[in-house]
Amino acid sequence: MTQSSISGPNAKVPIGRLFIKVFLWFWLTVLALFALFLASRMLGTRLVPSTDVIASFAPRVADETAHAYESGGPQEFEQFDRRLVGKSGVELYLIDGYGKDVLSRPVPSDSFSIVRAARSDGRILSRYGLRSHSSSYKFTSPSGHPYVLLVRAPLQLGRFLDATAGGGLPFFGVVLLIVTLFCFWLTHHIVTPIQGIQSAARKVAAGDLSVRAPVEISKRHDELAALAADFDAMVERMSAFVRSQKELLSTVSHELRSPLTRLIMSLALLRKQSSPESEELLQRMERDVERVDTLMGQLLTYSRLETGLSSEGRGDVDLSQLVQEVVADGDFEAHSCGKSVRLEAEGGIVIEKADQQALRSACENIVRNAIKFTTPGSEVEVTLKTEETRPSPQAVLLVRDYGPGVPGELLQQIFQPFFRVKQPNGDPRANKGTGLGLAIALEAIRQHRGTIIASNTNPLGLEVKVMLPTSYS
């Protein structure tokens, strides 16, 4: 079933994914920059400051390492290595002048570069890789042999952060929290005005031309403030254009109503003085004048609804009785063309603070439209009931005909003024009428904070559904 709904200006603006996208982009970008900053300080080769504790212990450890090797050979150095590092996982390498480890172990590939780059001025080089932390110290033993002491330790995140950032995991957590709060504020600062303008645009699209962008946006003095100003200027021009169009429509309708009344009276007088031969011509003139008079009446009604209903003429309206009266009149008219209207209604349905004339116009136009298009011999089904909704129950009016229906892509357009569906089979009923009936119904329902929906039914026909809140809250 194809549906077309006209929603009111109070439709909620859904929270889009723009906020999440912008937040994630900012958040990930700042984290990436922070990671690059840490990497520039942590990864790669750097000199250990002479004030560092490691720098004060390195010469002593190097002398003891060289003494153990030179005095007892590889076995003594291996025992010294086990006593010094134990089971800590640290690897100790003593590289001789030929670049070979004294224990004939291969130098790890991720530490080979720091061994070659070892300085001869007694400074210590340190390098953080992806898997290990290596330090090299080049020295000369008392016997005059050159060595490079290589200390290699597996990389652990906690030690890595402690050694490089100085704060460990708490430091990283604080940075992550600050980055998150900053990105959230920045995203909110950018996206919130867009959502405000979007909400105003939805209300304008629903017909409220008095809406303007939030005042807070204009105080930003940036591109979004300029966008809000342009939006307000656009809505102001639209409002002026629509207002002038409504005034023109109302003025023309009023000005034509009086000449039409005089013309109808002149035709009545002319009929008394005319010959029988001119009867057909007079009947045609009367039909045309009657059609124009109907059009002017609907234009005035539509103009009054568009300008808004005053609160003075509002009161409690018995919708059940109103629909019964409309159906009775419609059924009487339908019998003249072999059709009928059937009603199933709940009693006692009252609409608070409603305009009875506007609601009657809406119901009459919907029912008469159904009578016009339902096939001869069929009946128009009218149902009136209530549905329990919050904050108040809804009155539901269903009007179904058994006509050709409306193409799915045109369901929403049938509520536009002067729109008439062109039937592919050349149905002459499509060319009759003014095209204002459903537009009047839509405006009347909108003025009562209701909704109207048109949908095709199976196997054929069109159903118009009206939902009206029973209380004015």
Protein backbone atom coordinates (compact mmCIF):
# COMPACT_ATOMS: atom_id res chain seq x y z
CA MET A 1 0.00 0.00 0.00
CA THR A 2 1.40 3.32 -1.06
CA GLN A 3 1.00 6.14 1.41
CA SER A 4 1.46 9.89 1.44
CA SER A 5 1.43 11.76 4.72
CA ILE A 6 1.48 15.43 5.55
CA SER A 7 3.17 15.93 8.90
CA GLY A 8 2.90 18.93 11.13
CA PRO A 9 5.55 21.53 11.99
CA ASN A 10 6.24 19.89 15.34
CA ALA A 11 7.98 16.89 13.79
CA LYS A 12 11.10 16.10 15.75
CA VAL A 13 14.43 16.51 14.06
CA PRO A 14 16.29 13.19 14.32
CA ILE A 15 19.83 13.31 15.66
CA GLY A 16 21.83 12.64 12.56
CA ARG A 17 25.16 10.95 12.17
CA LEU A 18 26.96 14.21 11.42
CA PHE A 19 27.73 14.77 15.13
CA ILE A 20 29.24 11.31 15.46
CA LYS A 21 31.21 11.66 12.23
CA VAL A 22 32.66 15.05 13.13
CA PHE A 23 33.41 13.94 16.69
CA LEU A 24 35.21 10.80 15.54
CA TRP A 25 37.21 12.69 12.92
CA PHE A 26 38.37 15.27 15.47
CA TRP A 27 38.98 12.67 18.13
CA LEU A 28 40.97 10.34 15.90
CA THR A 29 42.91 13.23 14.35
CA VAL A 30 43.98 14.60 17.72
CA LEU A 31 44.87 11.11 18.94
CA ALA A 32 46.89 10.51 15.78
CA LEU A 33 48.76 13.79 16.27
CA PHE A 34 49.39 12.89 19.89
CA ALA A 35 50.63 9.45 18.85
CA LEU A 36 52.93 11.00 16.28
CA PHE A 37 54.25 13.38 18.93
CA LEU A 38 54.93 10.49 21.30
CA ALA A 39 56.47 8.46 18.51
CA SER A 40 58.80 11.31 17.60
CA ARG A 41 60.00 11.39 21.20
CA MET A 42 59.97 7.68 21.91
CA LEU A 43 60.81 5.80 18.76
CA GLY A 44 64.11 6.09 16.94
CA THR A 45 67.62 6.63 18.27
CA ARG A 46 68.46 9.34 20.80
CA LEU A 47 71.23 10.25 23.21
CA VAL A 48 70.74 9.52 26.89
CA PRO A 49 71.42 12.71 28.89
CA SER A 50 74.57 12.64 31.00
CA THR A 51 72.46 13.40 34.06
CA ASP A 52 70.48 10.18 33.60
CA VAL A 53 71.04 7.40 36.17
CA ILE A 54 71.86 4.94 33.39
CA ALA A 55 74.72 7.17 32.24
CA SER A 56 76.34 7.04 35.69
CA PHE A 57 76.17 3.24 35.93
CA ALA A 58 77.17 2.42 32.34
CA PRO A 59 80.98 2.88 32.69
CA ARG A 60 81.13 0.68 35.79
CA VAL A 61 79.01 -2.10 34.24
CA ALA A 62 81.09 -1.92 31.06
CA ASP A 63 84.36 -2.30 33.00
CA GLU A 64 83.07 -5.27 34.97
CA THR A 65 81.76 -6.89 31.79
CA ALA A 66 85.09 -6.48 29.98
CA HIS A 67 87.03 -7.71 33.06
CA ALA A 68 84.85 -10.84 33.31
CA TYR A 69 85.40 -11.66 29.64
CA GLU A 70 89.11 -10.90 29.52
CA SER A 71 89.86 -12.71 32.75
CA GLY A 72 87.72 -15.82 32.36
CA GLY A 73 86.71 -15.96 28.71
CA PRO A 74 83.20 -16.56 27.41
CA GLN A 75 82.28 -18.82 30.34
CA GLU A 76 83.04 -16.17 32.92
CA PHE A 77 81.17 -13.50 30.87
CA GLU A 78 78.17 -15.80 30.61
CA GLN A 79 78.12 -16.34 34.39
CA PHE A 80 78.45 -12.59 34.93
CA ASP A 81 75.52 -12.05 32.55
CA ARG A 82 73.32 -14.47 34.50
CA ARG A 83 74.23 -12.86 37.83
CA LEU A 84 73.57 -9.37 36.51
CA VAL A 85 70.27 -9.72 34.64
CA GLY A 86 68.91 -12.93 36.17
CA LYS A 87 65.42 -13.75 34.82
CA SER A 88 64.44 -10.20 33.97
CA GLY A 89 64.45 -10.94 30.25
CA VAL A 90 67.21 -8.39 29.58
CA GLU A 91 69.87 -9.50 27.10
CA LEU A 92 73.49 -8.38 27.52
CA TYR A 93 75.81 -8.35 24.50
CA LEU A 94 79.52 -7.57 24.45
CA ILE A 95 80.56 -6.66 20.91
CA ASP A 96 84.29 -6.77 20.13
CA GLY A 97 86.20 -4.59 17.69
CA TYR A 98 85.19 -6.83 14.78
CA GLY A 99 81.49 -6.36 15.43
CA LYS A 100 81.02 -9.89 16.77
CA ASP A 101 79.42 -10.91 20.03
CA VAL A 102 81.95 -12.56 22.35
CA LEU A 103 79.48 -15.44 22.86
CA SER A 104 79.11 -15.84 19.07
CA ARG A 105 75.46 -14.88 19.21
CA PRO A 106 73.93 -13.04 16.24
CA VAL A 107 73.27 -9.43 16.96
CA PRO A 108 69.47 -8.81 16.73
CA SER A 109 68.50 -7.04 13.54
CA ASP A 110 66.54 -4.30 15.36
CA SER A 111 69.65 -3.49 17.45
CA PHE A 112 72.30 -3.73 14.77
CA SER A 113 71.93 -0.09 13.75
CA ILE A 114 72.47 1.21 17.27
CA VAL A 115 75.61 -0.93 17.62
CA ARG A 116 77.08 0.60 14.47
CA ALA A 117 76.08 4.07 15.61
CA ALA A 118 77.69 3.73 19.06
CA ARG A 119 79.66 6.87 19.95
CA SER A 120 83.27 6.98 20.96
CA ASP A 121 82.83 9.95 23.31
CA GLY A 122 81.37 7.82 26.09
CA ARG A 123 77.79 8.88 25.43
CA ILE A 124 75.02 6.30 25.57
CA LEU A 125 72.62 5.79 22.64
CA SER A 126 69.09 4.57 23.30
CA ARG A 127 66.57 3.30 20.78
CA TYR A 128 62.93 2.29 21.17
CA GLY A 129 61.74 -0.09 18.52
CA LEU A 130 58.41 -1.78 18.04
CA ARG A 131 59.50 -4.86 20.00
CA SER A 132 62.45 -3.88 22.19
CA HIS A 133 64.42 -1.14 23.88
CA SER A 134 68.15 -1.16 23.15
CA SER A 135 71.03 0.87 24.59
CA SER A 136 74.65 0.88 23.35
CA TYR A 137 77.79 2.12 25.09
CA LYS A 138 81.15 2.18 23.34
CA PHE A 139 84.25 2.00 25.54
CA THR A 140 87.85 0.77 25.71
CA SER A 141 88.88 -1.76 28.34
CA PRO A 142 91.97 -1.26 30.57
CA SER A 143 93.77 -3.71 28.28
CA GLY A 144 93.18 -1.39 25.32
CA HIS A 145 90.57 -3.47 23.48
CA PRO A 146 87.53 -1.61 22.05
CA TYR A 147 84.08 -2.94 22.92
CA VAL A 148 80.43 -2.00 22.53
CA LEU A 149 78.13 -2.95 25.39
CA LEU A 150 74.58 -3.63 24.11
CA VAL A 151 71.70 -3.95 26.55
CA ARG A 152 68.46 -5.13 24.97
CA ALA A 153 65.14 -5.42 26.84
CA PRO A 154 61.74 -6.53 25.55
CA LEU A 155 59.35 -3.61 25.24
CA GLN A 156 56.53 -3.36 27.80
CA LEU A 157 53.86 -0.69 27.49
CA GLY A 158 53.98 0.46 31.09
CA ARG A 159 57.77 0.82 31.11
CA PHE A 160 57.66 2.35 27.66
CA LEU A 161 55.29 5.11 28.81
CA ASP A 162 57.14 5.58 32.09
CA ALA A 163 60.44 5.95 30.32
CA THR A 164 59.28 8.21 27.54
CA ALA A 165 56.21 10.17 28.61
CA GLY A 166 56.95 10.26 32.29
CA GLY A 167 53.42 9.47 33.46
CA GLY A 168 52.60 5.96 32.38
CA LEU A 169 49.02 4.82 31.94
CA PRO A 170 47.51 7.52 34.20
CA PHE A 171 49.17 10.15 32.03
CA PHE A 172 47.78 8.54 28.88
CA GLY A 173 44.31 8.32 30.47
CA VAL A 174 44.33 12.00 31.38
CA VAL A 175 45.41 12.94 27.88
CA LEU A 176 42.67 10.74 26.38
CA LEU A 177 40.04 12.36 28.62
CA ILE A 178 41.17 15.89 27.73
CA VAL A 179 41.20 15.04 24.02
CA THR A 180 37.69 13.53 24.26
CA LEU A 181 36.26 16.54 26.09
CA PHE A 182 37.89 18.96 23.67
CA CYS A 183 36.62 17.09 20.62
CA PHE A 184 33.13 16.82 22.11
CA TRP A 185 33.01 20.57 22.76
CA LEU A 186 34.36 21.41 19.31
CA THR A 187 31.88 19.07 17.61
CA HIS A 188 29.00 20.47 19.65
CA HIS A 189 30.13 24.00 18.76
CA ILE A 190 29.97 23.18 15.04
CA VAL A 191 27.03 20.78 14.75
CA THR A 192 24.51 22.36 17.14
CA PRO A 193 23.93 25.46 14.94
CA ILE A 194 23.44 23.20 11.93
CA GLN A 195 20.80 21.23 13.84
CA GLY A 196 19.12 24.50 14.83
CA ILE A 197 18.95 25.65 11.23
CA GLN A 198 17.75 22.19 10.18
CA SER A 199 14.94 22.31 12.75
CA ALA A 200 13.90 25.75 11.51
CA ALA A 201 14.01 24.54 7.89
CA ARG A 202 11.71 21.61 8.73
CA LYS A 203 9.18 23.98 10.31
CA VAL A 204 9.33 26.22 7.24
CA ALA A 205 8.81 23.18 5.02
CA ALA A 206 5.74 22.34 7.14
CA GLY A 207 4.30 25.79 6.38
CA ASP A 208 5.40 27.92 9.35
CA LEU A 209 7.01 30.95 7.69
CA SER A 210 7.34 32.83 10.98
CA VAL A 211 10.25 30.63 12.05
CA ARG A 212 13.76 32.05 12.06
CA ALA A 213 17.15 30.56 12.84
CA PRO A 214 18.07 30.55 16.56
CA VAL A 215 19.36 33.92 17.76
CA GLU A 216 22.42 32.31 19.36
CA ILE A 217 23.80 31.42 15.93
CA SER A 218 23.93 35.04 14.77
CA LYS A 219 26.22 35.87 17.71
CA ARG A 220 28.95 33.52 16.50
CA HIS A 221 30.33 35.91 13.81
CA ASP A 222 31.43 33.07 11.56
CA GLU A 223 30.26 31.24 8.44
CA LEU A 224 27.42 29.53 10.30
CA ALA A 225 26.15 32.94 11.43
CA ALA A 226 26.22 34.06 7.78
CA LEU A 227 24.32 30.90 6.83
CA ALA A 228 21.67 31.66 9.48
CA ALA A 229 21.37 35.24 8.18
CA ASP A 230 20.93 34.00 4.62
CA PHE A 231 18.35 31.48 5.82
CA ASP A 232 16.38 34.20 7.61
CA ALA A 233 16.52 36.44 4.54
CA MET A 234 15.28 33.58 2.35
CA VAL A 235 12.38 32.81 4.70
CA GLU A 236 11.51 36.51 4.92
CA ARG A 237 11.30 36.78 1.13
CA MET A 238 9.26 33.59 0.94
CA SER A 239 6.92 34.91 3.62
CA ALA A 240 6.46 38.21 1.78
CA PHE A 241 5.82 36.40 -1.50
CA VAL A 242 3.30 33.99 0.01
CA ARG A 243 1.61 36.83 1.92
CA SER A 244 1.23 38.91 -1.24
CA GLN A 245 -0.06 35.86 -3.12
CA LYS A 246 -2.66 35.16 -0.44
CA GLU A 247 -3.73 38.79 -0.37
CA LEU A 248 -4.07 38.79 -4.16
CA LEU A 249 -6.08 35.57 -4.08
CA SER A 250 -8.37 36.85 -1.35
CA THR A 251 -8.86 40.24 -3.04
CA VAL A 252 -9.63 38.72 -6.42
CA SER A 253 -12.07 36.28 -4.86
CA HIS A 254 -13.90 39.05 -2.99
CA GLU A 255 -13.97 41.33 -6.01
CA LEU A 256 -15.36 38.62 -8.29
CA ARG A 257 -18.00 37.42 -5.86
CA SER A 258 -20.22 40.48 -6.24
CA PRO A 259 -20.22 40.54 -10.08
CA LEU A 260 -20.99 36.81 -10.05
CA THR A 261 -23.97 37.36 -7.78
CA ARG A 262 -25.28 40.09 -10.09
CA LEU A 263 -24.67 37.85 -13.08
CA ILE A 264 -26.71 35.03 -11.53
CA MET A 265 -29.57 37.44 -10.86
CA SER A 266 -29.35 38.78 -14.42
CA LEU A 267 -29.55 35.23 -15.80
CA ALA A 268 -32.65 34.57 -13.71
CA LEU A 269 -34.32 37.71 -15.08
CA LEU A 270 -33.19 36.89 -18.58
CA ARG A 271 -34.72 33.42 -18.34
CA LYS A 272 -38.16 34.96 -17.72
CA GLN A 273 -37.88 37.12 -20.84
CA SER A 274 -36.14 34.63 -23.16
CA SER A 275 -37.63 32.44 -25.83
CA PRO A 276 -37.65 28.62 -25.62
CA GLU A 277 -34.95 28.49 -28.30
CA SER A 278 -32.41 30.12 -25.98
CA GLU A 279 -33.09 27.74 -23.05
CA GLU A 280 -30.12 25.51 -23.83
CA LEU A 281 -27.79 28.51 -24.03
CA LEU A 282 -29.07 29.84 -20.70
CA GLN A 283 -28.57 26.48 -19.02
CA ARG A 284 -24.97 26.34 -20.22
CA MET A 285 -24.37 29.88 -18.98
CA GLU A 286 -25.87 28.99 -15.60
CA ARG A 287 -23.64 25.92 -15.28
CA ASP A 288 -20.54 27.97 -16.10
CA VAL A 289 -21.51 30.74 -13.70
CA GLU A 290 -22.30 28.19 -11.00
CA ARG A 291 -18.90 26.57 -11.52
CA VAL A 292 -17.10 29.92 -11.24
CA ASP A 293 -19.18 30.77 -8.16
CA THR A 294 -18.17 27.46 -6.57
CA LEU A 295 -14.54 28.16 -7.38
CA MET A 296 -14.71 31.61 -5.79
CA GLY A 297 -16.34 30.16 -2.70
CA GLN A 298 -13.59 27.54 -2.34
CA LEU A 299 -10.91 30.15 -2.94
CA LEU A 300 -12.31 32.28 -0.14
CA THR A 301 -12.46 29.26 2.16
CA TYR A 302 -8.90 28.25 1.30
CA SER A 303 -7.67 31.82 1.76
CA ARG A 304 -9.34 32.02 5.18
CA LEU A 305 -7.75 28.76 6.28
CA GLU A 306 -4.30 29.76 5.08
CA THR A 307 -4.40 33.02 7.02
CA GLY A 308 -5.22 31.04 10.17
CA LEU A 309 -8.34 30.44 12.22
CA SER A 310 -9.11 32.91 14.99
CA SER A 311 -9.60 31.65 18.52
CA GLU A 312 -12.91 33.51 18.81
CA GLY A 313 -14.81 31.10 16.58
CA ARG A 314 -13.47 27.99 18.28
CA GLY A 315 -15.34 25.74 20.65
CA ASP A 316 -16.10 22.10 21.43
CA VAL A 317 -17.33 20.37 18.27
CA ASP A 318 -19.29 17.09 18.30
CA LEU A 319 -17.41 15.36 15.48
CA SER A 320 -19.74 12.35 15.53
CA GLN A 321 -22.79 14.49 14.82
CA LEU A 322 -20.93 16.60 12.25
CA VAL A 323 -19.81 13.52 10.28
CA GLN A 324 -23.33 12.06 10.41
CA GLU A 325 -24.74 15.26 8.89
CA VAL A 326 -22.07 15.34 6.18
CA VAL A 327 -22.64 11.66 5.31
CA ALA A 328 -26.41 12.17 5.18
CA ASP A 329 -26.02 15.07 2.73
CA GLY A 330 -23.45 13.12 0.71
CA ASP A 331 -25.65 10.03 0.53
CA PHE A 332 -28.56 12.14 -0.74
CA GLU A 333 -26.34 13.61 -3.49
CA ALA A 334 -24.81 10.22 -4.34
CA HIS A 335 -28.20 8.55 -4.95
CA SER A 336 -28.78 10.82 -7.96
CA CYS A 337 -25.90 9.06 -9.77
CA GLY A 338 -26.48 5.50 -8.55
CA LYS A 339 -24.07 5.59 -5.61
CA SER A 340 -24.37 5.60 -1.84
CA VAL A 341 -22.46 6.50 1.33
CA ARG A 342 -22.37 4.19 4.37
CA LEU A 343 -21.27 5.31 7.85
CA GLU A 344 -19.91 3.39 10.83
CA ALA A 345 -19.25 5.82 13.66
CA GLU A 346 -18.69 5.91 17.38
CA GLY A 347 -20.80 8.38 19.25
CA GLY A 348 -19.72 11.16 21.54
CA ILE A 349 -16.42 12.05 19.86
CA VAL A 350 -15.78 15.71 20.71
CA ILE A 351 -12.93 17.91 19.42
CA GLU A 352 -11.98 20.63 21.87
CA LYS A 353 -11.32 24.22 20.75
CA ALA A 354 -12.17 23.45 17.13
CA ASP A 355 -13.64 25.50 14.31
CA GLN A 356 -16.86 23.76 13.28
CA GLN A 357 -17.06 25.39 9.86
CA ALA A 358 -13.48 24.42 8.99
CA LEU A 359 -13.97 20.81 10.09
CA ARG A 360 -17.23 20.60 8.16
CA SER A 361 -15.48 21.90 5.02
CA ALA A 362 -12.75 19.29 5.44
CA CYS A 363 -15.17 16.39 5.89
CA GLU A 364 -17.46 17.53 3.06
CA ASN A 365 -14.64 17.88 0.58
CA ILE A 366 -13.18 14.46 1.42
CA VAL A 367 -16.57 12.72 1.18
CA ARG A 368 -17.59 14.51 -2.02
CA ASN A 369 -14.24 13.68 -3.61
CA ALA A 370 -14.86 10.00 -2.80
CA ILE A 371 -18.40 10.18 -4.21
CA LYS A 372 -17.13 11.72 -7.42
CA PHE A 373 -14.57 9.00 -8.12
CA THR A 374 -16.23 5.85 -6.79
CA THR A 375 -17.69 3.66 -9.50
CA PRO A 376 -21.48 3.69 -10.13
CA GLY A 377 -23.28 1.07 -8.07
CA SER A 378 -20.66 1.13 -5.30
CA GLU A 379 -20.74 2.83 -1.94
CA VAL A 380 -18.35 5.12 -0.13
CA GLU A 381 -17.36 3.70 3.25
CA VAL A 382 -16.96 6.25 6.06
CA THR A 383 -15.64 5.14 9.45
CA LEU A 384 -15.23 7.30 12.55
CA LYS A 385 -13.53 5.94 15.65
CA THR A 386 -11.03 6.84 18.37
CA GLU A 387 -7.54 5.57 19.04
CA GLU A 388 -5.82 5.76 22.40
CA THR A 389 -2.64 7.80 22.03
CA ARG A 390 -0.62 10.12 24.24
CA PRO A 391 -1.11 12.79 25.42
CA SER A 392 -4.77 12.60 24.30
CA PRO A 393 -6.93 10.19 22.27
CA GLN A 394 -7.09 10.70 18.51
CA ALA A 395 -10.25 10.85 16.44
CA VAL A 396 -9.74 8.80 13.26
CA LEU A 397 -11.87 9.39 10.16
CA LEU A 398 -11.53 6.91 7.27
CA VAL A 399 -13.17 7.61 3.89
CA ARG A 400 -12.78 4.90 1.24
CA ASP A 401 -14.08 4.85 -2.32
CA TYR A 402 -14.01 2.17 -5.00
CA GLY A 403 -12.68 4.29 -7.83
CA PRO A 404 -9.53 4.05 -9.95
CA GLY A 405 -7.24 5.27 -7.16
CA VAL A 406 -4.24 7.57 -7.63
CA PRO A 407 -0.78 6.73 -9.06
CA GLY A 408 1.61 6.18 -6.18
CA GLU A 409 3.95 9.00 -7.14
CA LEU A 410 1.04 11.50 -7.13
CA LEU A 411 -0.45 10.65 -3.74
CA GLN A 412 1.19 13.58 -2.01
CA GLN A 413 0.40 16.05 -4.80
CA ILE A 414 -3.37 15.56 -4.59
CA PHE A 415 -3.35 17.81 -1.51
CA GLN A 416 -1.85 20.70 -3.48
CA PRO A 417 -4.17 23.51 -4.68
CA PHE A 418 -5.56 23.14 -8.22
CA PHE A 419 -3.96 19.72 -8.72
CA ARG A 420 -6.10 17.20 -10.60
CA VAL A 421 -5.06 13.68 -11.52
CA LYS A 422 -5.17 12.92 -15.23
CA GLN A 423 -6.65 9.47 -15.59
CA PRO A 424 -5.01 7.34 -18.33
CA ASN A 425 -8.43 6.12 -19.49
CA GLY A 426 -9.66 9.66 -20.05
CA ASP A 427 -12.20 9.56 -17.22
CA PRO A 428 -14.20 12.80 -17.55
CA ARG A 429 -14.61 12.96 -13.77
CA ALA A 430 -10.94 13.90 -13.45
CA ASN A 431 -11.56 17.17 -15.30
CA LYS A 432 -14.49 18.21 -13.14
CA GLY A 433 -14.03 20.17 -9.93
CA THR A 434 -11.61 22.91 -9.01
CA GLY A 435 -8.76 20.92 -7.50
CA LEU A 436 -9.20 22.76 -4.18
CA GLY A 437 -11.25 20.26 -2.18
CA LEU A 438 -8.42 18.20 -0.68
CA ALA A 439 -6.24 21.31 -0.32
CA ILE A 440 -8.98 22.88 1.83
CA ALA A 441 -9.22 19.64 3.82
CA LEU A 442 -5.46 19.63 4.39
CA GLU A 443 -5.37 23.23 5.63
CA ALA A 444 -8.35 22.67 7.91
CA ILE A 445 -6.76 19.56 9.43
CA ARG A 446 -3.45 21.36 9.88
CA GLN A 447 -5.18 24.18 11.74
CA HIS A 448 -6.39 21.56 14.22
CA ARG A 449 -2.92 19.96 14.64
CA GLY A 450 -4.00 16.82 12.81
CA THR A 451 -2.66 14.75 9.95
CA ILE A 452 -4.17 13.53 6.70
CA ILE A 453 -2.99 10.50 4.75
CA ALA A 454 -3.97 9.22 1.31
CA SER A 455 -3.34 5.60 0.35
CA ASN A 456 -4.36 3.23 -2.43
CA THR A 457 -6.32 0.15 -1.37
CA ASN A 458 -6.64 -3.34 -2.83
CA PRO A 459 -8.07 -4.33 -5.19
CA LEU A 460 -9.03 -0.77 -6.13
CA GLY A 461 -9.96 2.53 -4.59
CA LEU A 462 -8.49 5.33 -2.51
CA GLU A 463 -8.64 5.75 1.25
CA VAL A 464 -8.17 9.09 3.01
CA LYS A 465 -7.32 8.88 6.70
CA VAL A 466 -7.69 11.89 9.02
CA MET A 467 -6.32 11.90 12.56
CA LEU A 468 -7.31 14.70 14.95
CA PRO A 469 -6.35 15.12 18.63
CA THR A 470 -9.51 15.34 20.70
CA SER A 471 -8.05 17.74 23.28
CA TYR A 472 -6.10 20.95 22.78
CA SER A 473 -2.99 20.62 24.94
